[in-house]
Amino acid sequence: LRWLENCLRRAAEDREEDGVSHPVPLVPLTEENEDAMENRRFHTLLRQ
């Protein structure tokens, strides 16, 4: 959740600085984040 929060904030900062929006992939670099990205309830949160 902290990783996701950080990714969202970083994307917001980048979009403000660049003035351009591109889709940003959420690449889980740790096993813990990878496991979360396979969790059905985590998917529900991402959609929300």
All heavy atoms as atom14 arrays in JSON, in Angstrom:
{
  "sequence": "LRWLENCLRRAAEDREEDGVSHPVPLVPLTEENEDAMENRRFHTLLRQ",
  "atom14_mask": [
    [1, 1, 1, 1, 1, 1, 1, 1, 0, 0, 0, 0, 0, 0],
    [1, 1, 1, 1, 1, 1, 1, 1, 1, 1, 1, 0, 0, 0],
    [1, 1, 1, 1, 1, 1, 1, 1, 1, 1, 1, 1, 1, 1],
    [1, 1, 1, 1, 1, 1, 1, 1, 0, 0, 0, 0, 0, 0],
    [1, 1, 1, 1, 1, 1, 1, 1, 1, 0, 0, 0, 0, 0],
    [1, 1, 1, 1, 1, 1, 1, 1, 0, 0, 0, 0, 0, 0],
    [1, 1, 1, 1, 1, 1, 0, 0, 0, 0, 0, 0, 0, 0],
    [1, 1, 1, 1, 1, 1, 1, 1, 0, 0, 0, 0, 0, 0],
    [1, 1, 1, 1, 1, 1, 1, 1, 1, 1, 1, 0, 0, 0],
    [1, 1, 1, 1, 1, 1, 1, 1, 1, 1, 1, 0, 0, 0],
    [1, 1, 1, 1, 1, 0, 0, 0, 0, 0, 0, 0, 0, 0],
    [1, 1, 1, 1, 1, 0, 0, 0, 0, 0, 0, 0, 0, 0],
    [1, 1, 1, 1, 1, 1, 1, 1, 1, 0, 0, 0, 0, 0],
    [1, 1, 1, 1, 1, 1, 1, 1, 0, 0, 0, 0, 0, 0],
    [1, 1, 1, 1, 1, 1, 1, 1, 1, 1, 1, 0, 0, 0],
    [1, 1, 1, 1, 1, 1, 1, 1, 1, 0, 0, 0, 0, 0],
    [1, 1, 1, 1, 1, 1, 1, 1, 1, 0, 0, 0, 0, 0],
    [1, 1, 1, 1, 1, 1, 1, 1, 0, 0, 0, 0, 0, 0],
    [1, 1, 1, 1, 0, 0, 0, 0, 0, 0, 0, 0, 0, 0],
    [1, 1, 1, 1, 1, 1, 1, 0, 0, 0, 0, 0, 0, 0],
    [1, 1, 1, 1, 1, 1, 0, 0, 0, 0, 0, 0, 0, 0],
    [1, 1, 1, 1, 1, 1, 1, 1, 1, 1, 0, 0, 0, 0],
    [1, 1, 1, 1, 1, 1, 1, 0, 0, 0, 0, 0, 0, 0],
    [1, 1, 1, 1, 1, 1, 1, 0, 0, 0, 0, 0, 0, 0],
    [1, 1, 1, 1, 1, 1, 1, 0, 0, 0, 0, 0, 0, 0],
    [1, 1, 1, 1, 1, 1, 1, 1, 0, 0, 0, 0, 0, 0],
    [1, 1, 1, 1, 1, 1, 1, 0, 0, 0, 0, 0, 0, 0],
    [1, 1, 1, 1, 1, 1, 1, 0, 0, 0, 0, 0, 0, 0],
    [1, 1, 1, 1, 1, 1, 1, 1, 0, 0, 0, 0, 0, 0],
    [1, 1, 1, 1, 1, 1, 1, 0, 0, 0, 0, 0, 0, 0],
    [1, 1, 1, 1, 1, 1, 1, 1, 1, 0, 0, 0, 0, 0],
    [1, 1, 1, 1, 1, 1, 1, 1, 1, 0, 0, 0, 0, 0],
    [1, 1, 1, 1, 1, 1, 1, 1, 0, 0, 0, 0, 0, 0],
    [1, 1, 1, 1, 1, 1, 1, 1, 1, 0, 0, 0, 0, 0],
    [1, 1, 1, 1, 1, 1, 1, 1, 0, 0, 0, 0, 0, 0],
    [1, 1, 1, 1, 1, 0, 0, 0, 0, 0, 0, 0, 0, 0],
    [1, 1, 1, 1, 1, 1, 1, 1, 0, 0, 0, 0, 0, 0],
    [1, 1, 1, 1, 1, 1, 1, 1, 1, 0, 0, 0, 0, 0],
    [1, 1, 1, 1, 1, 1, 1, 1, 0, 0, 0, 0, 0, 0],
    [1, 1, 1, 1, 1, 1, 1, 1, 1, 1, 1, 0, 0, 0],
    [1, 1, 1, 1, 1, 1, 1, 1, 1, 1, 1, 0, 0, 0],
    [1, 1, 1, 1, 1, 1, 1, 1, 1, 1, 1, 0, 0, 0],
    [1, 1, 1, 1, 1, 1, 1, 1, 1, 1, 0, 0, 0, 0],
    [1, 1, 1, 1, 1, 1, 1, 0, 0, 0, 0, 0, 0, 0],
    [1, 1, 1, 1, 1, 1, 1, 1, 0, 0, 0, 0, 0, 0],
    [1, 1, 1, 1, 1, 1, 1, 1, 0, 0, 0, 0, 0, 0],
    [1, 1, 1, 1, 1, 1, 1, 1, 1, 1, 1, 0, 0, 0],
    [1, 1, 1, 1, 1, 1, 1, 1, 1, 0, 0, 0, 0, 0]
  ],
  "atom14_positions": [
    [[0.84, -1.21, 0.0], [0.0, 0.0, 0.0], [0.87, 1.26, 0.0], [0.57, 2.22, -0.71], [-0.95, 0.0, 1.2], [-2.12, -0.98, 1.1], [-2.82, -1.15, 2.44], [-3.11, -0.55, 0.03], [0.0, 0.0, 0.0], [0.0, 0.0, 0.0], [0.0, 0.0, 0.0], [0.0, 0.0, 0.0], [0.0, 0.0, 0.0], [0.0, 0.0, 0.0]],
    [[1.96, 1.25, 0.79], [2.88, 2.4, 0.78], [3.52, 2.56, -0.59], [3.72, 3.67, -1.08], [3.96, 2.23, 1.86], [3.5, 2.65, 3.24], [4.66, 2.77, 4.22], [5.53, 1.59, 4.24], [5.32, 0.54, 5.01], [4.31, 0.5, 5.84], [6.15, -0.49, 4.97], [0.0, 0.0, 0.0], [0.0, 0.0, 0.0], [0.0, 0.0, 0.0]],
    [[3.89, 1.43, -1.2], [4.49, 1.45, -2.54], [3.51, 2.06, -3.54], [3.88, 2.94, -4.32], [4.88, 0.02, -2.94], [5.17, -0.16, -4.39], [6.26, 0.29, -5.08], [4.35, -0.84, -5.35], [6.16, -0.06, -6.4], [5.01, -0.76, -6.59], [3.13, -1.5, -5.27], [4.49, -1.32, -7.75], [2.61, -2.06, -6.42], [3.28, -1.98, -7.65]],
    [[2.26, 1.62, -3.5], [1.23, 2.14, -4.41], [1.02, 3.64, -4.17], [0.96, 4.43, -5.12], [-0.07, 1.36, -4.23], [-1.25, 1.83, -5.08], [-0.94, 1.76, -6.57], [-2.49, 0.99, -4.75], [0.0, 0.0, 0.0], [0.0, 0.0, 0.0], [0.0, 0.0, 0.0], [0.0, 0.0, 0.0], [0.0, 0.0, 0.0], [0.0, 0.0, 0.0]],
    [[0.92, 4.03, -2.91], [0.74, 5.44, -2.57], [1.89, 6.27, -3.14], [1.69, 7.33, -3.74], [0.67, 5.6, -1.05], [0.55, 7.02, -0.58], [0.71, 7.17, 0.94], [0.8, 6.15, 1.65], [0.78, 8.32, 1.38], [0.0, 0.0, 0.0], [0.0, 0.0, 0.0], [0.0, 0.0, 0.0], [0.0, 0.0, 0.0], [0.0, 0.0, 0.0]],
    [[3.12, 5.77, -2.97], [4.3, 6.47, -3.47], [4.27, 6.58, -5.0], [4.6, 7.63, -5.56], [5.57, 5.75, -3.01], [6.82, 6.54, -3.32], [6.92, 7.72, -3.04], [7.79, 5.87, -3.91], [0.0, 0.0, 0.0], [0.0, 0.0, 0.0], [0.0, 0.0, 0.0], [0.0, 0.0, 0.0], [0.0, 0.0, 0.0], [0.0, 0.0, 0.0]],
    [[3.87, 5.51, -5.68], [3.78, 5.53, -7.15], [2.77, 6.58, -7.62], [3.02, 7.3, -8.59], [3.4, 4.15, -7.69], [4.72, 2.92, -7.54], [0.0, 0.0, 0.0], [0.0, 0.0, 0.0], [0.0, 0.0, 0.0], [0.0, 0.0, 0.0], [0.0, 0.0, 0.0], [0.0, 0.0, 0.0], [0.0, 0.0, 0.0], [0.0, 0.0, 0.0]],
    [[1.62, 6.65, -6.94], [0.59, 7.63, -7.31], [1.1, 9.06, -7.11], [0.92, 9.93, -7.97], [-0.68, 7.4, -6.48], [-1.43, 6.09, -6.76], [-2.48, 5.83, -5.69], [-2.05, 6.11, -8.15], [0.0, 0.0, 0.0], [0.0, 0.0, 0.0], [0.0, 0.0, 0.0], [0.0, 0.0, 0.0], [0.0, 0.0, 0.0], [0.0, 0.0, 0.0]],
    [[1.77, 9.3, -5.98], [2.3, 10.64, -5.71], [3.39, 11.01, -6.72], [3.46, 12.14, -7.19], [2.85, 10.73, -4.29], [1.76, 10.71, -3.24], [2.31, 10.95, -1.83], [1.39, 10.56, -0.8], [0.31, 11.26, -0.43], [0.04, 12.39, -1.03], [-0.48, 10.83, 0.53], [0.0, 0.0, 0.0], [0.0, 0.0, 0.0], [0.0, 0.0, 0.0]],
    [[4.25, 10.06, -7.04], [5.34, 10.31, -8.0], [4.76, 10.62, -9.38], [5.22, 11.53, -10.06], [6.26, 9.09, -8.06], [7.36, 9.17, -9.11], [8.35, 10.25, -8.83], [8.97, 10.0, -7.55], [10.19, 10.35, -7.23], [10.93, 10.97, -8.11], [10.68, 10.1, -6.05], [0.0, 0.0, 0.0], [0.0, 0.0, 0.0], [0.0, 0.0, 0.0]],
    [[3.74, 9.89, -9.78], [3.11, 10.14, -11.08], [2.49, 11.55, -11.1], [2.59, 12.27, -12.1], [2.04, 9.09, -11.39], [0.0, 0.0, 0.0], [0.0, 0.0, 0.0], [0.0, 0.0, 0.0], [0.0, 0.0, 0.0], [0.0, 0.0, 0.0], [0.0, 0.0, 0.0], [0.0, 0.0, 0.0], [0.0, 0.0, 0.0], [0.0, 0.0, 0.0]],
    [[1.88, 11.95, -10.0], [1.29, 13.29, -9.9], [2.38, 14.36, -10.05], [2.21, 15.32, -10.81], [0.56, 13.46, -8.57], [0.0, 0.0, 0.0], [0.0, 0.0, 0.0], [0.0, 0.0, 0.0], [0.0, 0.0, 0.0], [0.0, 0.0, 0.0], [0.0, 0.0, 0.0], [0.0, 0.0, 0.0], [0.0, 0.0, 0.0], [0.0, 0.0, 0.0]],
    [[3.5, 14.17, -9.34], [4.6, 15.13, -9.43], [5.15, 15.21, -10.85], [5.37, 16.3, -11.38], [5.74, 14.72, -8.49], [5.45, 14.93, -7.02], [6.5, 14.28, -6.12], [7.62, 13.99, -6.59], [6.18, 14.07, -4.93], [0.0, 0.0, 0.0], [0.0, 0.0, 0.0], [0.0, 0.0, 0.0], [0.0, 0.0, 0.0], [0.0, 0.0, 0.0]],
    [[5.35, 14.04, -11.47], [5.89, 14.01, -12.83], [4.96, 14.72, -13.8], [5.41, 15.45, -14.68], [6.13, 12.57, -13.29], [7.29, 11.9, -12.55], [8.06, 12.62, -11.87], [7.42, 10.67, -12.65], [0.0, 0.0, 0.0], [0.0, 0.0, 0.0], [0.0, 0.0, 0.0], [0.0, 0.0, 0.0], [0.0, 0.0, 0.0], [0.0, 0.0, 0.0]],
    [[3.66, 14.51, -13.65], [2.7, 15.14, -14.56], [2.66, 16.64, -14.38], [2.5, 17.38, -15.34], [1.31, 14.53, -14.37], [1.26, 13.12, -14.91], [-0.03, 12.4, -14.68], [0.15, 11.03, -15.17], [-0.79, 10.14, -15.27], [-2.03, 10.45, -14.93], [-0.53, 8.93, -15.73], [0.0, 0.0, 0.0], [0.0, 0.0, 0.0], [0.0, 0.0, 0.0]],
    [[2.84, 17.11, -13.14], [2.88, 18.56, -12.91], [4.15, 19.16, -13.49], [4.1, 20.2, -14.13], [2.8, 18.87, -11.41], [1.39, 18.81, -10.89], [1.29, 19.12, -9.41], [2.3, 19.06, -8.69], [0.18, 19.43, -8.99], [0.0, 0.0, 0.0], [0.0, 0.0, 0.0], [0.0, 0.0, 0.0], [0.0, 0.0, 0.0], [0.0, 0.0, 0.0]],
    [[5.28, 18.49, -13.28], [6.56, 19.01, -13.79], [6.6, 19.01, -15.31], [7.0, 19.99, -15.92], [7.71, 18.14, -13.27], [8.06, 18.39, -11.82], [9.13, 17.43, -11.32], [9.87, 16.85, -12.13], [9.2, 17.26, -10.09], [0.0, 0.0, 0.0], [0.0, 0.0, 0.0], [0.0, 0.0, 0.0], [0.0, 0.0, 0.0], [0.0, 0.0, 0.0]],
    [[6.19, 17.9, -15.92], [6.29, 17.75, -17.37], [5.14, 18.4, -18.13], [5.28, 18.74, -19.3], [6.34, 16.26, -17.77], [7.5, 15.53, -17.09], [8.43, 16.2, -16.6], [7.45, 14.29, -17.05], [0.0, 0.0, 0.0], [0.0, 0.0, 0.0], [0.0, 0.0, 0.0], [0.0, 0.0, 0.0], [0.0, 0.0, 0.0], [0.0, 0.0, 0.0]],
    [[4.0, 18.52, -17.47], [2.82, 19.03, -18.16], [2.26, 18.03, -19.17], [1.42, 18.37, -19.98], [0.0, 0.0, 0.0], [0.0, 0.0, 0.0], [0.0, 0.0, 0.0], [0.0, 0.0, 0.0], [0.0, 0.0, 0.0], [0.0, 0.0, 0.0], [0.0, 0.0, 0.0], [0.0, 0.0, 0.0], [0.0, 0.0, 0.0], [0.0, 0.0, 0.0]],
    [[2.75, 16.81, -19.11], [2.33, 15.76, -20.06], [1.92, 14.54, -19.25], [2.52, 14.23, -18.23], [3.49, 15.37, -21.0], [3.03, 14.35, -22.02], [4.07, 16.59, -21.68], [0.0, 0.0, 0.0], [0.0, 0.0, 0.0], [0.0, 0.0, 0.0], [0.0, 0.0, 0.0], [0.0, 0.0, 0.0], [0.0, 0.0, 0.0], [0.0, 0.0, 0.0]],
    [[0.9, 13.84, -19.72], [0.46, 12.62, -19.05], [0.64, 11.42, -19.96], [0.18, 11.43, -21.1], [-1.01, 12.73, -18.66], [-1.19, 13.7, -17.67], [0.0, 0.0, 0.0], [0.0, 0.0, 0.0], [0.0, 0.0, 0.0], [0.0, 0.0, 0.0], [0.0, 0.0, 0.0], [0.0, 0.0, 0.0], [0.0, 0.0, 0.0], [0.0, 0.0, 0.0]],
    [[1.32, 10.43, -19.44], [1.48, 9.14, -20.13], [1.0, 8.07, -19.16], [1.14, 8.23, -17.95], [2.95, 8.87, -20.47], [3.57, 9.89, -21.35], [3.25, 10.01, -22.68], [4.48, 10.85, -21.09], [3.94, 11.0, -23.2], [4.7, 11.54, -22.26], [0.0, 0.0, 0.0], [0.0, 0.0, 0.0], [0.0, 0.0, 0.0], [0.0, 0.0, 0.0]],
    [[0.48, 6.97, -19.69], [0.16, 5.86, -18.77], [1.46, 5.39, -18.1], [2.51, 5.34, -18.73], [-0.39, 4.77, -19.68], [-0.75, 5.46, -20.96], [0.16, 6.65, -21.06], [0.0, 0.0, 0.0], [0.0, 0.0, 0.0], [0.0, 0.0, 0.0], [0.0, 0.0, 0.0], [0.0, 0.0, 0.0], [0.0, 0.0, 0.0], [0.0, 0.0, 0.0]],
    [[1.39, 5.1, -16.8], [2.56, 4.68, -16.04], [2.34, 3.25, -15.55], [1.39, 3.0, -14.81], [2.81, 5.61, -14.84], [4.0, 5.12, -14.01], [3.02, 7.04, -15.28], [0.0, 0.0, 0.0], [0.0, 0.0, 0.0], [0.0, 0.0, 0.0], [0.0, 0.0, 0.0], [0.0, 0.0, 0.0], [0.0, 0.0, 0.0], [0.0, 0.0, 0.0]],
    [[3.2, 2.31, -15.97], [3.04, 0.94, -15.48], [3.42, 0.83, -14.01], [4.33, 1.51, -13.55], [4.01, 0.13, -16.35], [5.01, 1.12, -16.83], [4.32, 2.46, -16.88], [0.0, 0.0, 0.0], [0.0, 0.0, 0.0], [0.0, 0.0, 0.0], [0.0, 0.0, 0.0], [0.0, 0.0, 0.0], [0.0, 0.0, 0.0], [0.0, 0.0, 0.0]],
    [[2.67, 0.01, -13.27], [3.0, -0.29, -11.88], [3.84, -1.56, -11.88], [3.31, -2.65, -12.01], [1.73, -0.51, -11.06], [0.89, 0.72, -10.77], [-0.41, 0.33, -10.09], [1.66, 1.7, -9.91], [0.0, 0.0, 0.0], [0.0, 0.0, 0.0], [0.0, 0.0, 0.0], [0.0, 0.0, 0.0], [0.0, 0.0, 0.0], [0.0, 0.0, 0.0]],
    [[5.14, -1.4, -11.77], [6.06, -2.53, -11.85], [6.48, -2.92, -10.44], [7.23, -2.2, -9.8], [7.29, -2.19, -12.71], [8.21, -3.41, -12.84], [6.87, -1.7, -14.09], [0.0, 0.0, 0.0], [0.0, 0.0, 0.0], [0.0, 0.0, 0.0], [0.0, 0.0, 0.0], [0.0, 0.0, 0.0], [0.0, 0.0, 0.0], [0.0, 0.0, 0.0]],
    [[5.99, -4.07, -9.95], [6.37, -4.49, -8.6], [7.79, -5.05, -8.6], [8.06, -6.05, -9.26], [5.34, -5.58, -8.27], [4.93, -6.12, -9.6], [5.07, -4.99, -10.59], [0.0, 0.0, 0.0], [0.0, 0.0, 0.0], [0.0, 0.0, 0.0], [0.0, 0.0, 0.0], [0.0, 0.0, 0.0], [0.0, 0.0, 0.0], [0.0, 0.0, 0.0]],
    [[8.69, -4.4, -7.87], [10.09, -4.81, -7.88], [10.46, -5.69, -6.69], [11.57, -6.16, -6.6], [11.0, -3.58, -7.91], [10.84, -2.71, -9.16], [11.71, -1.46, -9.07], [11.16, -3.49, -10.41], [0.0, 0.0, 0.0], [0.0, 0.0, 0.0], [0.0, 0.0, 0.0], [0.0, 0.0, 0.0], [0.0, 0.0, 0.0], [0.0, 0.0, 0.0]],
    [[9.51, -5.88, -5.78], [9.78, -6.78, -4.65], [8.77, -7.92, -4.69], [7.69, -7.8, -5.27], [9.64, -6.05, -3.3], [8.27, -5.7, -3.1], [10.5, -4.8, -3.22], [0.0, 0.0, 0.0], [0.0, 0.0, 0.0], [0.0, 0.0, 0.0], [0.0, 0.0, 0.0], [0.0, 0.0, 0.0], [0.0, 0.0, 0.0], [0.0, 0.0, 0.0]],
    [[9.14, -9.01, -4.04], [8.25, -10.16, -3.99], [6.95, -9.81, -3.27], [5.87, -10.23, -3.67], [8.96, -11.32, -3.28], [8.26, -12.64, -3.48], [9.09, -13.8, -2.94], [10.33, -13.72, -2.95], [8.47, -14.79, -2.51], [0.0, 0.0, 0.0], [0.0, 0.0, 0.0], [0.0, 0.0, 0.0], [0.0, 0.0, 0.0], [0.0, 0.0, 0.0]],
    [[7.06, -9.0, -2.21], [5.88, -8.58, -1.45], [4.9, -7.81, -2.35], [3.69, -8.06, -2.33], [6.32, -7.71, -0.27], [5.18, -7.27, 0.61], [5.61, -6.31, 1.72], [6.64, -5.63, 1.57], [4.89, -6.25, 2.73], [0.0, 0.0, 0.0], [0.0, 0.0, 0.0], [0.0, 0.0, 0.0], [0.0, 0.0, 0.0], [0.0, 0.0, 0.0]],
    [[5.42, -6.88, -3.17], [4.56, -6.11, -4.06], [4.02, -6.99, -5.19], [2.88, -6.82, -5.61], [5.31, -4.9, -4.63], [5.64, -3.87, -3.57], [5.1, -3.92, -2.46], [6.53, -2.97, -3.88], [0.0, 0.0, 0.0], [0.0, 0.0, 0.0], [0.0, 0.0, 0.0], [0.0, 0.0, 0.0], [0.0, 0.0, 0.0], [0.0, 0.0, 0.0]],
    [[4.85, -7.93, -5.66], [4.4, -8.86, -6.69], [3.21, -9.69, -6.19], [2.21, -9.86, -6.89], [5.55, -9.8, -7.06], [5.88, -9.82, -8.52], [7.09, -10.69, -8.78], [6.89, -11.91, -9.02], [8.22, -10.16, -8.75], [0.0, 0.0, 0.0], [0.0, 0.0, 0.0], [0.0, 0.0, 0.0], [0.0, 0.0, 0.0], [0.0, 0.0, 0.0]],
    [[3.34, -10.19, -4.96], [2.26, -10.98, -4.37], [0.98, -10.14, -4.26], [-0.11, -10.61, -4.55], [2.66, -11.51, -2.99], [3.74, -12.58, -3.06], [4.0, -13.1, -4.16], [4.34, -12.88, -2.01], [0.0, 0.0, 0.0], [0.0, 0.0, 0.0], [0.0, 0.0, 0.0], [0.0, 0.0, 0.0], [0.0, 0.0, 0.0], [0.0, 0.0, 0.0]],
    [[1.14, -8.88, -3.84], [-0.03, -8.0, -3.71], [-0.69, -7.79, -5.07], [-1.93, -7.77, -5.17], [0.39, -6.65, -3.12], [0.0, 0.0, 0.0], [0.0, 0.0, 0.0], [0.0, 0.0, 0.0], [0.0, 0.0, 0.0], [0.0, 0.0, 0.0], [0.0, 0.0, 0.0], [0.0, 0.0, 0.0], [0.0, 0.0, 0.0], [0.0, 0.0, 0.0]],
    [[0.12, -7.67, -6.11], [-0.43, -7.43, -7.45], [-1.17, -8.66, -8.0], [-1.84, -8.57, -9.02], [0.67, -7.0, -8.43], [1.25, -5.62, -8.12], [0.03, -4.29, -8.09], [-0.27, -4.07, -9.84], [0.0, 0.0, 0.0], [0.0, 0.0, 0.0], [0.0, 0.0, 0.0], [0.0, 0.0, 0.0], [0.0, 0.0, 0.0], [0.0, 0.0, 0.0]],
    [[-1.06, -9.78, -7.31], [-1.82, -10.98, -7.69], [-3.02, -11.19, -6.77], [-3.8, -12.11, -6.98], [-0.9, -12.21, -7.65], [0.2, -12.14, -8.69], [1.24, -13.23, -8.53], [1.08, -14.11, -7.67], [2.25, -13.18, -9.27], [0.0, 0.0, 0.0], [0.0, 0.0, 0.0], [0.0, 0.0, 0.0], [0.0, 0.0, 0.0], [0.0, 0.0, 0.0]],
    [[-3.17, -10.33, -5.77], [-4.24, -10.45, -4.78], [-5.54, -9.87, -5.35], [-5.57, -8.72, -5.8], [-3.81, -9.7, -3.5], [-4.82, -9.74, -2.39], [-5.99, -9.43, -2.59], [-4.36, -10.06, -1.21], [0.0, 0.0, 0.0], [0.0, 0.0, 0.0], [0.0, 0.0, 0.0], [0.0, 0.0, 0.0], [0.0, 0.0, 0.0], [0.0, 0.0, 0.0]],
    [[-6.62, -10.63, -5.31], [-7.9, -10.22, -5.88], [-8.43, -8.94, -5.23], [-8.92, -8.04, -5.91], [-8.9, -11.36, -5.72], [-10.2, -11.19, -6.45], [-11.09, -12.43, -6.31], [-11.28, -12.85, -4.92], [-12.13, -12.28, -4.07], [-12.87, -11.27, -4.45], [-12.24, -12.73, -2.83], [0.0, 0.0, 0.0], [0.0, 0.0, 0.0], [0.0, 0.0, 0.0]],
    [[-8.29, -8.83, -3.91], [-8.78, -7.63, -3.22], [-7.91, -6.41, -3.53], [-8.42, -5.3, -3.6], [-8.85, -7.88, -1.71], [-10.0, -8.85, -1.37], [-9.98, -9.28, 0.06], [-10.13, -8.13, 0.95], [-10.9, -8.13, 2.01], [-11.59, -9.2, 2.33], [-10.96, -7.06, 2.78], [0.0, 0.0, 0.0], [0.0, 0.0, 0.0], [0.0, 0.0, 0.0]],
    [[-6.63, -6.64, -3.75], [-5.75, -5.54, -4.14], [-6.16, -5.04, -5.53], [-6.18, -3.84, -5.79], [-4.28, -5.99, -4.12], [-3.28, -4.87, -4.0], [-3.01, -4.3, -2.76], [-2.6, -4.39, -5.1], [-2.07, -3.27, -2.64], [-1.68, -3.36, -4.99], [-1.41, -2.8, -3.76], [0.0, 0.0, 0.0], [0.0, 0.0, 0.0], [0.0, 0.0, 0.0]],
    [[-6.53, -5.98, -6.42], [-7.04, -5.61, -7.76], [-8.29, -4.75, -7.63], [-8.45, -3.76, -8.37], [-7.39, -6.85, -8.58], [-6.2, -7.58, -9.12], [-6.32, -8.72, -9.87], [-4.87, -7.33, -9.03], [-5.12, -9.15, -10.21], [-4.22, -8.32, -9.71], [0.0, 0.0, 0.0], [0.0, 0.0, 0.0], [0.0, 0.0, 0.0], [0.0, 0.0, 0.0]],
    [[-9.17, -5.12, -6.71], [-10.39, -4.34, -6.49], [-10.03, -2.92, -6.08], [-10.61, -1.95, -6.58], [-11.27, -5.02, -5.42], [-11.58, -6.34, -5.85], [-12.55, -4.24, -5.19], [0.0, 0.0, 0.0], [0.0, 0.0, 0.0], [0.0, 0.0, 0.0], [0.0, 0.0, 0.0], [0.0, 0.0, 0.0], [0.0, 0.0, 0.0], [0.0, 0.0, 0.0]],
    [[-9.05, -2.79, -5.19], [-8.59, -1.46, -4.76], [-8.05, -0.68, -5.95], [-8.39, 0.49, -6.14], [-7.52, -1.59, -3.67], [-6.88, -0.27, -3.24], [-7.89, 0.63, -2.53], [-5.67, -0.52, -2.35], [0.0, 0.0, 0.0], [0.0, 0.0, 0.0], [0.0, 0.0, 0.0], [0.0, 0.0, 0.0], [0.0, 0.0, 0.0], [0.0, 0.0, 0.0]],
    [[-7.21, -1.31, -6.76], [-6.64, -0.62, -7.92], [-7.75, -0.09, -8.84], [-7.68, 1.05, -9.31], [-5.72, -1.57, -8.7], [-4.45, -2.04, -7.97], [-3.73, -3.11, -8.78], [-3.53, -0.88, -7.65], [0.0, 0.0, 0.0], [0.0, 0.0, 0.0], [0.0, 0.0, 0.0], [0.0, 0.0, 0.0], [0.0, 0.0, 0.0], [0.0, 0.0, 0.0]],
    [[-8.78, -0.91, -9.05], [-9.9, -0.48, -9.89], [-10.64, 0.7, -9.26], [-11.01, 1.65, -9.95], [-10.88, -1.63, -10.12], [-10.43, -2.59, -11.19], [-11.55, -3.54, -11.63], [-11.06, -4.42, -12.66], [-10.44, -5.57, -12.41], [-10.28, -5.99, -11.17], [-10.01, -6.32, -13.39], [0.0, 0.0, 0.0], [0.0, 0.0, 0.0], [0.0, 0.0, 0.0]],
    [[-10.85, 0.64, -7.93], [-11.54, 1.73, -7.23], [-10.77, 3.04, -7.37], [-11.36, 4.11, -7.38], [-11.73, 1.39, -5.75], [-12.78, 0.36, -5.48], [-12.9, 0.01, -4.0], [-12.24, 0.57, -3.15], [-13.76, -0.96, -3.7], [0.0, 0.0, 0.0], [0.0, 0.0, 0.0], [0.0, 0.0, 0.0], [0.0, 0.0, 0.0], [0.0, 0.0, 0.0]]
  ]
}
